[in-house]
Amino acid sequence: MSKQKFDIIQSTCIPIGIDNCNTDLIIPARYLASTTRDPKFFGDAFMRDLRYDENGNVKPDFVMNHPDFSETPHKGVHEIIVGGQNWGSGSSREHAAWAIAGYGVRVVISSSFADIHRNNLLNCFVLPVVVSREFQQELFKSIEENPKMQVRVDVPNQTVTNLATGHSEHFEINSYKKYCLMNALDDIDFLLENKEKIEEWEQKRENM
């Protein structure tokens, strides 16, 4: 997983309008036995059975194989997925979050997320953004009309904006996770950053 500071992410989007897109679709179970943590390995496995047939041939009808959406995510390009409702349902496998992060996606927007998957995304430095069903459908419509339209996700102000229409919504995020994302800290990094404060507190406890 890539530890990048989150501030403002403005990017084109990949529309994956699959409601109840479960973690087995996000990454098939056969990849779970791997002991590697290579991001590319899991990124290549992202949506594998929807992107390729059993012989490894590209499925041209799947959105990620369409020329408008097949470019590998990078700065300002396809760093955002707009997904169907109840994204990440099914098993709690954290490999699903590894796959999304490994593919290069930094934000997933949906009207709802499975709770465990939502937390796994945050732990992998992928921001899950919950919007209203109406805003979600507007995003899909705007992307259909212009695949090059962009969405702006302002993490400090917790807003997401459809730049094709100018419409915005506020999204919620745990203040701790927001701090970690904005400073590129995982849980261990956060503890190390506060090591002196923890040691000071422990010293006070010993002297009580």
Foldseek 3Di string as FASTA:
>chain_A
DDLDADFKAKAFAQEAADAQAALCQQANPVVVPDPDLQLQVLQCRGSVVVQAPPVRHGDCPHRCNDPLRVDQDDRRYHLEYLYEAQPHDDDLDLSSLSNNVSSNHAEYEYQYYDVSNCVSVLLSNHHYWHDHPVVSVVLVVVCVVPSRFMWMQGLVQQKIARPVVRDIDHTDDDPVSSVCNNVSHHPVRVCVVCVVVVVVVVVVVVVD
